[in-house]
Amino acid sequence: MTDALFVLTTLPNSNVAAELAKTLVGEKLAACANLIPALRSIYRWQGKVQDENEVLVLFKTRRARFEALKARLLELHPYEVPEVLAVPVEDGHAAYLEWLAAETG
């Protein structure tokens, strides 16, 4: 088990996703952000089924940075109720995990 986390969120388009990712990486809240375009999300919101194109952003961070990352993400996110999910990283390449820790230190 490591202290690394994946933090997932969805955003309305690539421009918004890129700006948010640059901000959080720039502030050392995440070491890296992967933008996965062409995501189609189907969900229930305010009693209606929605069908939207979105961008998934996968942040890599450490458990110790999660609360700060979450707070900043919620501050900047355009959605009323943004998806913010943290998934622990069980194991990984030691050199990559060391880089991740250094970049979010």
N, C-alpha and C. Protein backbone atom coordinates (compact mmCIF):
# COMPACT_ATOMS: atom_id res chain seq x y z
N MET A 1 0.86 -1.19 0.00
CA MET A 1 0.00 0.00 0.00
C MET A 1 0.89 1.24 0.00
N THR A 2 0.51 2.21 -0.78
CA THR A 2 1.23 3.48 -0.84
C THR A 2 0.32 4.57 -0.29
N ASP A 3 0.84 5.78 -0.22
CA ASP A 3 -0.03 6.91 0.17
C ASP A 3 -0.54 7.64 -1.06
N ALA A 4 -0.30 7.08 -2.24
CA ALA A 4 -0.75 7.70 -3.49
C ALA A 4 -2.25 7.50 -3.69
N LEU A 5 -2.86 8.49 -4.29
CA LEU A 5 -4.29 8.44 -4.60
C LEU A 5 -4.52 8.85 -6.05
N PHE A 6 -5.54 8.26 -6.65
CA PHE A 6 -6.13 8.78 -7.87
C PHE A 6 -7.34 9.58 -7.43
N VAL A 7 -7.51 10.78 -7.94
CA VAL A 7 -8.70 11.58 -7.65
C VAL A 7 -9.36 11.86 -8.99
N LEU A 8 -10.62 11.46 -9.11
CA LEU A 8 -11.36 11.60 -10.36
C LEU A 8 -12.39 12.70 -10.27
N THR A 9 -12.54 13.42 -11.37
CA THR A 9 -13.62 14.39 -11.51
C THR A 9 -13.99 14.48 -12.99
N THR A 10 -15.18 14.95 -13.26
CA THR A 10 -15.61 15.18 -14.64
C THR A 10 -15.87 16.67 -14.82
N LEU A 11 -15.59 17.13 -16.05
CA LEU A 11 -15.77 18.54 -16.38
C LEU A 11 -16.46 18.67 -17.73
N PRO A 12 -17.04 19.84 -18.01
CA PRO A 12 -17.88 19.97 -19.20
C PRO A 12 -17.14 19.95 -20.53
N ASN A 13 -15.84 20.33 -20.54
CA ASN A 13 -15.12 20.34 -21.82
C ASN A 13 -13.61 20.35 -21.57
N SER A 14 -12.84 20.17 -22.63
CA SER A 14 -11.39 20.06 -22.53
C SER A 14 -10.72 21.35 -22.05
N ASN A 15 -11.24 22.50 -22.46
CA ASN A 15 -10.64 23.77 -22.03
C ASN A 15 -10.76 23.97 -20.52
N VAL A 16 -11.93 23.73 -19.98
CA VAL A 16 -12.13 23.85 -18.53
C VAL A 16 -11.28 22.83 -17.81
N ALA A 17 -11.24 21.60 -18.32
CA ALA A 17 -10.45 20.54 -17.69
C ALA A 17 -8.97 20.89 -17.68
N ALA A 18 -8.45 21.40 -18.80
CA ALA A 18 -7.04 21.74 -18.88
C ALA A 18 -6.68 22.88 -17.93
N GLU A 19 -7.51 23.89 -17.86
CA GLU A 19 -7.23 25.02 -16.96
C GLU A 19 -7.23 24.57 -15.50
N LEU A 20 -8.21 23.76 -15.13
CA LEU A 20 -8.27 23.26 -13.76
C LEU A 20 -7.07 22.37 -13.46
N ALA A 21 -6.71 21.50 -14.38
CA ALA A 21 -5.56 20.62 -14.19
C ALA A 21 -4.27 21.43 -14.04
N LYS A 22 -4.06 22.42 -14.88
CA LYS A 22 -2.86 23.25 -14.79
C LYS A 22 -2.78 23.97 -13.45
N THR A 23 -3.92 24.44 -12.97
CA THR A 23 -3.95 25.13 -11.68
C THR A 23 -3.56 24.19 -10.55
N LEU A 24 -4.18 23.02 -10.48
CA LEU A 24 -3.92 22.10 -9.37
C LEU A 24 -2.52 21.51 -9.41
N VAL A 25 -2.01 21.23 -10.62
CA VAL A 25 -0.64 20.76 -10.74
C VAL A 25 0.32 21.90 -10.41
N GLY A 26 0.03 23.09 -10.89
CA GLY A 26 0.86 24.25 -10.61
C GLY A 26 0.96 24.56 -9.13
N GLU A 27 -0.11 24.29 -8.40
CA GLU A 27 -0.14 24.54 -6.95
C GLU A 27 0.39 23.34 -6.15
N LYS A 28 0.91 22.34 -6.84
CA LYS A 28 1.48 21.13 -6.23
C LYS A 28 0.48 20.33 -5.41
N LEU A 29 -0.80 20.48 -5.76
CA LEU A 29 -1.83 19.66 -5.12
C LEU A 29 -1.92 18.30 -5.79
N ALA A 30 -1.47 18.23 -7.03
CA ALA A 30 -1.39 16.98 -7.78
C ALA A 30 -0.07 16.99 -8.54
N ALA A 31 0.50 15.81 -8.71
CA ALA A 31 1.74 15.71 -9.49
C ALA A 31 1.44 15.67 -10.98
N CYS A 32 0.26 15.18 -11.32
CA CYS A 32 -0.08 14.94 -12.71
C CYS A 32 -1.59 14.92 -12.84
N ALA A 33 -2.06 15.26 -14.02
CA ALA A 33 -3.49 15.14 -14.33
C ALA A 33 -3.62 14.59 -15.74
N ASN A 34 -4.38 13.53 -15.89
CA ASN A 34 -4.67 12.97 -17.21
C ASN A 34 -6.07 13.39 -17.61
N LEU A 35 -6.21 13.96 -18.80
CA LEU A 35 -7.51 14.36 -19.33
C LEU A 35 -7.96 13.32 -20.34
N ILE A 36 -9.09 12.75 -20.09
CA ILE A 36 -9.64 11.70 -20.94
C ILE A 36 -10.89 12.26 -21.60
N PRO A 37 -10.76 12.66 -22.88
CA PRO A 37 -11.88 13.30 -23.57
C PRO A 37 -12.90 12.28 -24.07
N ALA A 38 -13.97 12.80 -24.63
CA ALA A 38 -15.01 11.99 -25.28
C ALA A 38 -15.67 11.02 -24.32
N LEU A 39 -15.83 11.44 -23.09
CA LEU A 39 -16.56 10.66 -22.10
C LEU A 39 -18.03 11.00 -22.22
N ARG A 40 -18.87 10.01 -22.21
CA ARG A 40 -20.32 10.25 -22.23
C ARG A 40 -20.88 9.82 -20.88
N SER A 41 -21.51 10.74 -20.19
CA SER A 41 -22.06 10.47 -18.86
C SER A 41 -23.58 10.48 -18.92
N ILE A 42 -24.16 9.43 -18.39
CA ILE A 42 -25.62 9.33 -18.27
C ILE A 42 -25.90 9.21 -16.78
N TYR A 43 -26.68 10.13 -16.26
CA TYR A 43 -26.91 10.19 -14.81
C TYR A 43 -28.26 10.86 -14.54
N ARG A 44 -28.73 10.68 -13.33
CA ARG A 44 -29.96 11.34 -12.92
C ARG A 44 -29.60 12.61 -12.15
N TRP A 45 -30.20 13.73 -12.55
CA TRP A 45 -29.97 15.01 -11.88
C TRP A 45 -31.29 15.75 -11.79
N GLN A 46 -31.68 16.11 -10.58
CA GLN A 46 -32.92 16.84 -10.30
C GLN A 46 -34.12 16.15 -10.94
N GLY A 47 -34.17 14.82 -10.79
CA GLY A 47 -35.32 14.04 -11.23
C GLY A 47 -35.35 13.68 -12.70
N LYS A 48 -34.36 14.10 -13.47
CA LYS A 48 -34.34 13.81 -14.90
C LYS A 48 -33.07 13.07 -15.28
N VAL A 49 -33.17 12.17 -16.24
CA VAL A 49 -31.99 11.49 -16.75
C VAL A 49 -31.28 12.41 -17.73
N GLN A 50 -30.01 12.63 -17.48
CA GLN A 50 -29.17 13.51 -18.30
C GLN A 50 -28.25 12.65 -19.17
N ASP A 51 -27.88 13.15 -20.32
CA ASP A 51 -26.97 12.48 -21.24
C ASP A 51 -26.02 13.56 -21.76
N GLU A 52 -24.80 13.60 -21.23
CA GLU A 52 -23.87 14.70 -21.51
C GLU A 52 -22.50 14.20 -21.94
N ASN A 53 -21.84 14.96 -22.80
CA ASN A 53 -20.43 14.74 -23.10
C ASN A 53 -19.61 15.47 -22.05
N GLU A 54 -18.60 14.79 -21.52
CA GLU A 54 -17.75 15.38 -20.50
C GLU A 54 -16.30 14.95 -20.72
N VAL A 55 -15.42 15.50 -19.91
CA VAL A 55 -14.01 15.11 -19.89
C VAL A 55 -13.73 14.58 -18.50
N LEU A 56 -13.14 13.39 -18.43
CA LEU A 56 -12.73 12.82 -17.15
C LEU A 56 -11.31 13.28 -16.85
N VAL A 57 -11.07 13.75 -15.64
CA VAL A 57 -9.73 14.13 -15.22
C VAL A 57 -9.31 13.21 -14.09
N LEU A 58 -8.14 12.63 -14.25
CA LEU A 58 -7.57 11.72 -13.26
C LEU A 58 -6.33 12.39 -12.68
N PHE A 59 -6.44 12.85 -11.46
CA PHE A 59 -5.32 13.48 -10.76
C PHE A 59 -4.55 12.42 -10.00
N LYS A 60 -3.23 12.59 -9.93
CA LYS A 60 -2.39 11.74 -9.09
C LYS A 60 -1.84 12.61 -7.97
N THR A 61 -2.09 12.18 -6.73
CA THR A 61 -1.67 12.95 -5.57
C THR A 61 -1.36 12.00 -4.42
N ARG A 62 -1.11 12.58 -3.26
CA ARG A 62 -0.88 11.80 -2.04
C ARG A 62 -2.04 12.03 -1.07
N ARG A 63 -2.25 11.04 -0.23
CA ARG A 63 -3.32 11.12 0.76
C ARG A 63 -3.22 12.42 1.58
N ALA A 64 -2.01 12.82 1.92
CA ALA A 64 -1.80 14.02 2.74
C ALA A 64 -2.25 15.30 2.01
N ARG A 65 -2.33 15.28 0.69
CA ARG A 65 -2.73 16.46 -0.08
C ARG A 65 -4.20 16.44 -0.49
N PHE A 66 -4.89 15.33 -0.18
CA PHE A 66 -6.25 15.16 -0.69
C PHE A 66 -7.21 16.26 -0.22
N GLU A 67 -7.23 16.56 1.05
CA GLU A 67 -8.20 17.56 1.55
C GLU A 67 -7.96 18.93 0.91
N ALA A 68 -6.71 19.31 0.74
CA ALA A 68 -6.41 20.59 0.09
C ALA A 68 -6.80 20.55 -1.38
N LEU A 69 -6.50 19.43 -2.06
CA LEU A 69 -6.88 19.28 -3.46
C LEU A 69 -8.40 19.33 -3.60
N LYS A 70 -9.09 18.60 -2.74
CA LYS A 70 -10.56 18.58 -2.79
C LYS A 70 -11.13 19.97 -2.57
N ALA A 71 -10.63 20.69 -1.59
CA ALA A 71 -11.14 22.03 -1.31
C ALA A 71 -10.93 22.96 -2.50
N ARG A 72 -9.77 22.90 -3.11
CA ARG A 72 -9.48 23.77 -4.26
C ARG A 72 -10.30 23.36 -5.47
N LEU A 73 -10.45 22.05 -5.67
CA LEU A 73 -11.26 21.55 -6.77
C LEU A 73 -12.71 22.00 -6.62
N LEU A 74 -13.26 21.91 -5.42
CA LEU A 74 -14.63 22.35 -5.19
C LEU A 74 -14.78 23.86 -5.37
N GLU A 75 -13.74 24.60 -5.02
CA GLU A 75 -13.76 26.06 -5.19
C GLU A 75 -13.80 26.45 -6.67
N LEU A 76 -13.06 25.73 -7.50
CA LEU A 76 -12.91 26.11 -8.91
C LEU A 76 -13.86 25.39 -9.86
N HIS A 77 -14.46 24.31 -9.42
CA HIS A 77 -15.27 23.46 -10.31
C HIS A 77 -16.57 24.17 -10.71
N PRO A 78 -16.96 24.08 -11.99
CA PRO A 78 -18.16 24.78 -12.44
C PRO A 78 -19.47 24.08 -12.09
N TYR A 79 -19.43 22.82 -11.68
CA TYR A 79 -20.67 22.10 -11.38
C TYR A 79 -21.17 22.40 -9.96
N GLU A 80 -22.46 22.33 -9.79
CA GLU A 80 -23.07 22.54 -8.48
C GLU A 80 -22.66 21.44 -7.50
N VAL A 81 -22.65 20.20 -7.96
CA VAL A 81 -22.25 19.05 -7.14
C VAL A 81 -21.21 18.24 -7.94
N PRO A 82 -19.95 18.63 -7.88
CA PRO A 82 -18.94 17.94 -8.67
C PRO A 82 -18.62 16.54 -8.14
N GLU A 83 -18.27 15.68 -9.07
CA GLU A 83 -17.74 14.37 -8.71
C GLU A 83 -16.31 14.58 -8.21
N VAL A 84 -16.03 14.11 -7.01
CA VAL A 84 -14.67 14.10 -6.47
C VAL A 84 -14.53 12.77 -5.75
N LEU A 85 -13.84 11.84 -6.38
CA LEU A 85 -13.66 10.50 -5.83
C LEU A 85 -12.18 10.20 -5.68
N ALA A 86 -11.78 9.73 -4.50
CA ALA A 86 -10.40 9.35 -4.25
C ALA A 86 -10.31 7.84 -4.21
N VAL A 87 -9.36 7.31 -4.97
CA VAL A 87 -9.15 5.86 -5.05
C VAL A 87 -7.71 5.59 -4.64
N PRO A 88 -7.49 4.76 -3.61
CA PRO A 88 -6.12 4.49 -3.19
C PRO A 88 -5.36 3.66 -4.23
N VAL A 89 -4.07 3.94 -4.32
CA VAL A 89 -3.17 3.17 -5.18
C VAL A 89 -2.55 2.09 -4.31
N GLU A 90 -2.77 0.85 -4.64
CA GLU A 90 -2.27 -0.26 -3.84
C GLU A 90 -0.76 -0.44 -3.97
N ASP A 91 -0.25 -0.30 -5.17
CA ASP A 91 1.17 -0.53 -5.42
C ASP A 91 1.54 0.16 -6.72
N GLY A 92 2.82 0.26 -7.00
CA GLY A 92 3.24 0.89 -8.24
C GLY A 92 4.74 0.90 -8.37
N HIS A 93 5.21 1.45 -9.46
CA HIS A 93 6.64 1.58 -9.73
C HIS A 93 7.23 2.56 -8.72
N ALA A 94 8.21 2.10 -7.95
CA ALA A 94 8.76 2.89 -6.85
C ALA A 94 9.27 4.25 -7.31
N ALA A 95 9.94 4.29 -8.44
CA ALA A 95 10.48 5.57 -8.92
C ALA A 95 9.36 6.55 -9.25
N TYR A 96 8.28 6.06 -9.83
CA TYR A 96 7.14 6.93 -10.14
C TYR A 96 6.50 7.44 -8.86
N LEU A 97 6.32 6.57 -7.89
CA LEU A 97 5.71 6.97 -6.62
C LEU A 97 6.59 7.98 -5.89
N GLU A 98 7.90 7.83 -5.99
CA GLU A 98 8.81 8.81 -5.39
C GLU A 98 8.69 10.16 -6.09
N TRP A 99 8.58 10.14 -7.42
CA TRP A 99 8.38 11.38 -8.18
C TRP A 99 7.08 12.05 -7.76
N LEU A 100 6.00 11.27 -7.67
CA LEU A 100 4.70 11.79 -7.26
C LEU A 100 4.79 12.46 -5.90
N ALA A 101 5.47 11.80 -4.96
CA ALA A 101 5.62 12.37 -3.61
C ALA A 101 6.43 13.67 -3.65
N ALA A 102 7.49 13.69 -4.44
CA ALA A 102 8.32 14.88 -4.54
C ALA A 102 7.56 16.06 -5.15
N GLU A 103 6.73 15.79 -6.14
CA GLU A 103 6.00 16.84 -6.83
C GLU A 103 4.81 17.38 -6.02
N THR A 104 4.40 16.67 -5.00
CA THR A 104 3.29 17.12 -4.17
C THR A 104 3.74 17.40 -2.74
N GLY A 105 5.06 17.52 -2.57
CA GLY A 105 5.63 17.72 -1.23
C GLY A 105 5.53 19.12 -0.73
